[in-house]
N, C-alpha and C. Protein backbone atom coordinates (compact mmCIF):
# COMPACT_ATOMS: atom_id res chain seq x y z
N MET A 1 0.86 -1.18 0.00
CA MET A 1 0.00 0.00 0.00
C MET A 1 0.90 1.23 0.00
N VAL A 2 0.62 2.13 -0.92
CA VAL A 2 1.38 3.38 -1.01
C VAL A 2 0.41 4.56 -1.05
N ARG A 3 0.87 5.67 -0.52
CA ARG A 3 0.08 6.89 -0.59
C ARG A 3 0.15 7.41 -2.03
N ASP A 4 -1.00 7.77 -2.55
CA ASP A 4 -1.10 8.21 -3.94
C ASP A 4 -1.64 9.64 -3.97
N ASN A 5 -0.99 10.52 -4.72
CA ASN A 5 -1.40 11.92 -4.76
C ASN A 5 -2.80 12.13 -5.34
N ILE A 6 -3.16 11.36 -6.34
CA ILE A 6 -4.49 11.50 -6.95
C ILE A 6 -5.58 11.05 -5.99
N VAL A 7 -5.36 9.91 -5.34
CA VAL A 7 -6.34 9.40 -4.38
C VAL A 7 -6.41 10.33 -3.17
N THR A 8 -5.28 10.86 -2.75
CA THR A 8 -5.26 11.81 -1.63
C THR A 8 -6.01 13.09 -1.99
N ALA A 9 -5.86 13.58 -3.20
CA ALA A 9 -6.58 14.79 -3.63
C ALA A 9 -8.09 14.55 -3.59
N TYR A 10 -8.52 13.38 -4.04
CA TYR A 10 -9.94 13.04 -3.96
C TYR A 10 -10.40 13.06 -2.51
N ALA A 11 -9.64 12.39 -1.63
CA ALA A 11 -10.01 12.31 -0.21
C ALA A 11 -10.06 13.71 0.40
N GLN A 12 -9.09 14.55 0.10
CA GLN A 12 -9.06 15.89 0.67
C GLN A 12 -10.23 16.74 0.18
N ASN A 13 -10.55 16.65 -1.09
CA ASN A 13 -11.70 17.39 -1.62
C ASN A 13 -12.98 16.96 -0.94
N TYR A 14 -13.13 15.66 -0.74
CA TYR A 14 -14.35 15.18 -0.08
C TYR A 14 -14.38 15.62 1.39
N ALA A 15 -13.26 15.49 2.09
CA ALA A 15 -13.21 15.93 3.49
C ALA A 15 -13.55 17.42 3.59
N ASN A 16 -12.99 18.23 2.71
CA ASN A 16 -13.28 19.67 2.73
C ASN A 16 -14.77 19.94 2.53
N SER A 17 -15.43 19.13 1.73
CA SER A 17 -16.86 19.34 1.46
C SER A 17 -17.73 18.98 2.66
N ARG A 18 -17.16 18.31 3.67
CA ARG A 18 -17.94 17.87 4.83
C ARG A 18 -17.78 18.79 6.04
N ARG A 19 -17.03 19.87 5.93
CA ARG A 19 -16.79 20.74 7.09
C ARG A 19 -18.06 21.22 7.78
N GLU A 20 -19.08 21.52 7.01
CA GLU A 20 -20.33 22.04 7.58
C GLU A 20 -21.08 20.97 8.38
N ASN A 21 -21.11 19.77 7.87
CA ASN A 21 -21.83 18.66 8.51
C ASN A 21 -20.91 17.45 8.51
N CYS A 22 -20.26 17.23 9.61
CA CYS A 22 -19.21 16.21 9.66
C CYS A 22 -19.70 14.83 10.08
N LYS A 23 -20.96 14.57 9.96
CA LYS A 23 -21.44 13.21 10.22
C LYS A 23 -20.91 12.31 9.12
N PRO A 24 -20.39 11.12 9.48
CA PRO A 24 -19.92 10.21 8.43
C PRO A 24 -21.04 9.89 7.44
N GLN A 25 -20.80 10.19 6.21
CA GLN A 25 -21.78 9.95 5.16
C GLN A 25 -21.01 9.40 3.97
N LEU A 26 -21.29 8.16 3.64
CA LEU A 26 -20.59 7.51 2.54
C LEU A 26 -20.85 8.26 1.25
N LYS A 27 -19.79 8.56 0.55
CA LYS A 27 -19.92 9.20 -0.76
C LYS A 27 -19.55 8.17 -1.80
N LEU A 28 -20.49 7.80 -2.60
CA LEU A 28 -20.19 6.84 -3.65
C LEU A 28 -19.41 7.55 -4.73
N SER A 29 -18.19 7.08 -4.96
CA SER A 29 -17.28 7.74 -5.89
C SER A 29 -17.41 7.18 -7.29
N GLY A 30 -18.59 6.68 -7.63
CA GLY A 30 -18.76 6.10 -8.95
C GLY A 30 -17.97 4.82 -9.09
N CYS A 31 -17.82 4.12 -7.99
CA CYS A 31 -17.05 2.86 -7.94
C CYS A 31 -15.59 3.08 -8.28
N GLN A 32 -15.11 4.29 -8.07
CA GLN A 32 -13.71 4.60 -8.34
C GLN A 32 -12.83 4.24 -7.16
N TYR A 33 -13.29 4.52 -5.94
CA TYR A 33 -12.48 4.28 -4.75
C TYR A 33 -13.31 3.60 -3.67
N GLY A 34 -12.63 2.79 -2.87
CA GLY A 34 -13.22 2.31 -1.64
C GLY A 34 -13.00 3.38 -0.59
N GLU A 35 -13.80 3.41 0.46
CA GLU A 35 -13.58 4.43 1.47
C GLU A 35 -14.00 4.00 2.86
N ASN A 36 -13.27 4.51 3.82
CA ASN A 36 -13.61 4.40 5.23
C ASN A 36 -13.74 5.82 5.77
N LEU A 37 -14.74 6.03 6.61
CA LEU A 37 -15.01 7.35 7.18
C LEU A 37 -14.96 7.28 8.70
N PHE A 38 -14.60 8.39 9.32
CA PHE A 38 -14.52 8.47 10.78
C PHE A 38 -14.81 9.90 11.20
N ALA A 39 -15.57 10.04 12.26
CA ALA A 39 -15.78 11.36 12.88
C ALA A 39 -15.49 11.23 14.36
N GLY A 40 -14.75 12.18 14.89
CA GLY A 40 -14.39 12.14 16.30
C GLY A 40 -14.72 13.46 16.97
N TYR A 41 -15.09 13.39 18.23
CA TYR A 41 -15.56 14.59 18.92
C TYR A 41 -14.77 14.94 20.18
N ASP A 42 -14.15 13.96 20.81
CA ASP A 42 -13.60 14.17 22.13
C ASP A 42 -12.13 14.56 22.17
N LYS A 43 -11.39 14.27 21.12
CA LYS A 43 -9.97 14.56 21.14
C LYS A 43 -9.43 14.67 19.73
N LYS A 44 -8.17 14.95 19.61
CA LYS A 44 -7.52 15.04 18.30
C LYS A 44 -6.97 13.65 17.96
N TYR A 45 -7.71 12.88 17.20
CA TYR A 45 -7.32 11.52 16.86
C TYR A 45 -6.18 11.53 15.85
N THR A 46 -5.22 10.63 16.05
CA THR A 46 -4.13 10.47 15.09
C THR A 46 -4.57 9.49 14.00
N ALA A 47 -3.84 9.49 12.89
CA ALA A 47 -4.12 8.54 11.81
C ALA A 47 -4.02 7.11 12.33
N ILE A 48 -3.04 6.84 13.17
CA ILE A 48 -2.87 5.49 13.72
C ILE A 48 -4.09 5.09 14.54
N GLU A 49 -4.61 6.00 15.35
CA GLU A 49 -5.79 5.69 16.16
C GLU A 49 -7.02 5.43 15.29
N VAL A 50 -7.18 6.20 14.24
CA VAL A 50 -8.33 6.02 13.35
C VAL A 50 -8.25 4.67 12.66
N VAL A 51 -7.10 4.35 12.10
CA VAL A 51 -6.95 3.06 11.42
C VAL A 51 -7.10 1.91 12.41
N ALA A 52 -6.58 2.05 13.62
CA ALA A 52 -6.75 1.02 14.65
C ALA A 52 -8.23 0.80 14.96
N PHE A 53 -9.00 1.88 14.96
CA PHE A 53 -10.44 1.76 15.18
C PHE A 53 -11.08 0.90 14.10
N TRP A 54 -10.72 1.14 12.84
CA TRP A 54 -11.26 0.34 11.74
C TRP A 54 -10.80 -1.10 11.83
N VAL A 55 -9.52 -1.30 12.12
CA VAL A 55 -8.96 -2.65 12.18
C VAL A 55 -9.52 -3.45 13.36
N SER A 56 -10.00 -2.77 14.39
CA SER A 56 -10.56 -3.48 15.54
C SER A 56 -11.77 -4.34 15.16
N GLU A 57 -12.36 -4.08 14.00
CA GLU A 57 -13.49 -4.89 13.54
C GLU A 57 -13.06 -6.31 13.15
N LYS A 58 -11.76 -6.55 13.07
CA LYS A 58 -11.26 -7.89 12.71
C LYS A 58 -11.84 -8.96 13.63
N GLN A 59 -12.04 -8.61 14.89
CA GLN A 59 -12.56 -9.58 15.85
C GLN A 59 -13.93 -10.14 15.46
N TRP A 60 -14.66 -9.44 14.62
CA TRP A 60 -15.99 -9.89 14.22
C TRP A 60 -16.00 -10.66 12.90
N TYR A 61 -14.84 -10.74 12.25
CA TYR A 61 -14.76 -11.37 10.93
C TYR A 61 -14.29 -12.82 11.04
N ASN A 62 -15.02 -13.72 10.37
CA ASN A 62 -14.65 -15.13 10.31
C ASN A 62 -14.20 -15.42 8.89
N TYR A 63 -12.89 -15.66 8.71
CA TYR A 63 -12.35 -15.86 7.37
C TYR A 63 -12.89 -17.15 6.74
N THR A 64 -13.00 -18.20 7.53
CA THR A 64 -13.45 -19.49 7.00
C THR A 64 -14.81 -19.38 6.35
N SER A 65 -15.74 -18.72 7.02
CA SER A 65 -17.09 -18.58 6.46
C SER A 65 -17.26 -17.26 5.70
N ASN A 66 -16.25 -16.41 5.74
CA ASN A 66 -16.30 -15.09 5.11
C ASN A 66 -17.56 -14.34 5.56
N SER A 67 -17.75 -14.32 6.88
CA SER A 67 -18.95 -13.71 7.43
C SER A 67 -18.63 -12.93 8.70
N CYS A 68 -19.64 -12.23 9.16
CA CYS A 68 -19.51 -11.35 10.31
C CYS A 68 -20.34 -11.89 11.47
N ALA A 69 -19.87 -11.64 12.69
CA ALA A 69 -20.65 -11.99 13.87
C ALA A 69 -21.98 -11.23 13.83
N SER A 70 -22.99 -11.84 14.40
CA SER A 70 -24.34 -11.27 14.40
C SER A 70 -24.34 -9.88 15.03
N ASP A 71 -25.04 -8.96 14.39
CA ASP A 71 -25.20 -7.58 14.87
C ASP A 71 -23.88 -6.81 14.98
N LYS A 72 -22.88 -7.20 14.21
CA LYS A 72 -21.59 -6.52 14.21
C LYS A 72 -21.27 -6.07 12.79
N VAL A 73 -20.25 -5.25 12.64
CA VAL A 73 -19.80 -4.81 11.32
C VAL A 73 -18.31 -5.11 11.17
N PHE A 74 -17.89 -5.30 9.94
CA PHE A 74 -16.47 -5.55 9.68
C PHE A 74 -16.00 -4.93 8.38
N GLY A 75 -16.83 -4.15 7.72
CA GLY A 75 -16.50 -3.61 6.41
C GLY A 75 -15.31 -2.67 6.39
N HIS A 76 -15.11 -1.89 7.47
CA HIS A 76 -13.93 -1.01 7.52
C HIS A 76 -12.66 -1.85 7.52
N TYR A 77 -12.65 -2.89 8.36
CA TYR A 77 -11.48 -3.78 8.43
C TYR A 77 -11.21 -4.42 7.08
N ILE A 78 -12.25 -4.94 6.44
CA ILE A 78 -12.10 -5.63 5.16
C ILE A 78 -11.47 -4.69 4.13
N GLN A 79 -11.91 -3.43 4.10
CA GLN A 79 -11.33 -2.50 3.12
C GLN A 79 -9.87 -2.19 3.44
N VAL A 80 -9.52 -2.05 4.72
CA VAL A 80 -8.13 -1.78 5.09
C VAL A 80 -7.20 -2.87 4.58
N VAL A 81 -7.64 -4.13 4.64
CA VAL A 81 -6.76 -5.25 4.29
C VAL A 81 -7.04 -5.83 2.90
N TRP A 82 -7.90 -5.20 2.12
CA TRP A 82 -8.30 -5.75 0.82
C TRP A 82 -7.08 -6.01 -0.06
N LYS A 83 -6.99 -7.24 -0.56
CA LYS A 83 -5.79 -7.72 -1.26
C LYS A 83 -5.41 -6.90 -2.49
N ASN A 84 -6.35 -6.38 -3.22
CA ASN A 84 -6.03 -5.67 -4.46
C ASN A 84 -5.91 -4.16 -4.31
N SER A 85 -6.32 -3.63 -3.18
CA SER A 85 -6.19 -2.19 -2.96
C SER A 85 -4.73 -1.90 -2.64
N ASN A 86 -4.08 -1.08 -3.47
CA ASN A 86 -2.66 -0.82 -3.26
C ASN A 86 -2.30 0.67 -3.23
N LYS A 87 -3.30 1.53 -3.40
CA LYS A 87 -3.08 2.98 -3.32
C LYS A 87 -4.03 3.56 -2.28
N LEU A 88 -3.55 4.58 -1.59
CA LEU A 88 -4.28 5.12 -0.46
C LEU A 88 -4.27 6.64 -0.49
N GLY A 89 -5.39 7.22 -0.12
CA GLY A 89 -5.47 8.66 0.10
C GLY A 89 -6.10 8.89 1.46
N TYR A 90 -5.51 9.73 2.29
CA TYR A 90 -5.99 9.97 3.64
C TYR A 90 -6.12 11.48 3.84
N ALA A 91 -7.25 11.90 4.38
CA ALA A 91 -7.45 13.32 4.63
C ALA A 91 -8.27 13.51 5.89
N ARG A 92 -8.04 14.63 6.55
CA ARG A 92 -8.82 14.98 7.74
C ARG A 92 -9.05 16.48 7.74
N VAL A 93 -10.18 16.86 8.28
CA VAL A 93 -10.48 18.28 8.43
C VAL A 93 -11.06 18.52 9.81
N LYS A 94 -10.88 19.74 10.28
CA LYS A 94 -11.56 20.16 11.50
C LYS A 94 -12.88 20.76 11.07
N CYS A 95 -13.94 20.24 11.63
CA CYS A 95 -15.29 20.67 11.26
C CYS A 95 -15.67 21.97 11.97
N ASN A 96 -16.65 22.64 11.44
CA ASN A 96 -17.13 23.87 12.05
C ASN A 96 -17.61 23.64 13.48
N SER A 97 -18.04 22.42 13.79
CA SER A 97 -18.51 22.08 15.13
C SER A 97 -17.35 21.83 16.10
N GLY A 98 -16.12 21.76 15.57
CA GLY A 98 -14.96 21.48 16.40
C GLY A 98 -14.53 20.03 16.35
N SER A 99 -15.36 19.17 15.80
CA SER A 99 -14.99 17.76 15.68
C SER A 99 -14.05 17.58 14.49
N ILE A 100 -13.57 16.36 14.31
CA ILE A 100 -12.74 16.07 13.14
C ILE A 100 -13.45 15.07 12.25
N TYR A 101 -13.12 15.12 10.98
CA TYR A 101 -13.68 14.22 9.99
C TYR A 101 -12.52 13.64 9.21
N VAL A 102 -12.52 12.31 9.08
CA VAL A 102 -11.43 11.61 8.40
C VAL A 102 -12.00 10.74 7.30
N ILE A 103 -11.35 10.75 6.15
CA ILE A 103 -11.68 9.82 5.08
C ILE A 103 -10.39 9.16 4.62
N CYS A 104 -10.49 7.88 4.40
CA CYS A 104 -9.40 7.11 3.81
C CYS A 104 -9.98 6.49 2.54
N SER A 105 -9.39 6.82 1.40
CA SER A 105 -9.85 6.30 0.12
C SER A 105 -8.83 5.28 -0.39
N TYR A 106 -9.34 4.23 -1.03
CA TYR A 106 -8.50 3.12 -1.47
C TYR A 106 -8.70 2.86 -2.96
N SER A 107 -7.60 2.56 -3.64
CA SER A 107 -7.68 2.24 -5.06
C SER A 107 -6.80 1.04 -5.36
N PRO A 108 -7.30 0.12 -6.18
CA PRO A 108 -8.70 0.03 -6.58
C PRO A 108 -9.57 -0.33 -5.37
N LEU A 109 -10.85 -0.02 -5.49
CA LEU A 109 -11.75 -0.28 -4.37
C LEU A 109 -11.84 -1.77 -4.09
N GLY A 110 -12.25 -2.10 -2.89
CA GLY A 110 -12.41 -3.49 -2.48
C GLY A 110 -13.77 -3.71 -1.88
N ASN A 111 -13.85 -4.67 -0.96
CA ASN A 111 -15.09 -4.95 -0.24
C ASN A 111 -16.17 -5.52 -1.14
N TYR A 112 -15.81 -6.42 -2.01
CA TYR A 112 -16.80 -7.06 -2.88
C TYR A 112 -17.54 -8.15 -2.12
N ILE A 113 -18.84 -8.16 -2.22
CA ILE A 113 -19.67 -9.16 -1.54
C ILE A 113 -19.26 -10.55 -2.01
N ASP A 114 -19.18 -11.46 -1.07
CA ASP A 114 -18.85 -12.87 -1.30
C ASP A 114 -17.40 -13.12 -1.69
N GLU A 115 -16.55 -12.10 -1.70
CA GLU A 115 -15.12 -12.30 -1.95
C GLU A 115 -14.37 -12.14 -0.64
N ARG A 116 -13.34 -12.95 -0.46
CA ARG A 116 -12.49 -12.83 0.72
C ARG A 116 -11.49 -11.68 0.50
N PRO A 117 -11.15 -11.00 1.58
CA PRO A 117 -10.28 -9.83 1.45
C PRO A 117 -8.82 -10.16 1.16
N TYR A 118 -8.39 -11.36 1.53
CA TYR A 118 -6.98 -11.75 1.34
C TYR A 118 -6.88 -13.25 1.17
C-alpha cells in the first residue's frame, strides 16, 4: 500500500466538502475508490488511532465462512486489508462544530460481496 497523490486529492476534496456537517456519510465515488469514514468529537485523533479503530473490527470477521458476527460490522477492516487495494489517500479536516472528519480512500476499491479480502 502506497500513498497516492491523486487518491489523496480526492479524499481531501471530499473531506473539505464535509466541514459544515461532519457526520460520516458515505460518498459513492462512482465505484472509483473504496472508502472508510470516521468522525471524532472528544480529542484530536491520530491517523494510527483512526486506522486502529477500523482494524478493531477484525474480531468480528470469520475468514473461514467469510462472514460477520451477528449484529456486528467488519466492512472497515475488510477495506483496510483488501488484497487488491494498493493505493491510499488519507485526509482529515476540523469541522465547524470542532470535531474532526477523516476519510481514507483506497484504489482500486475493495469490499466485494462474497469475496475474501486476502
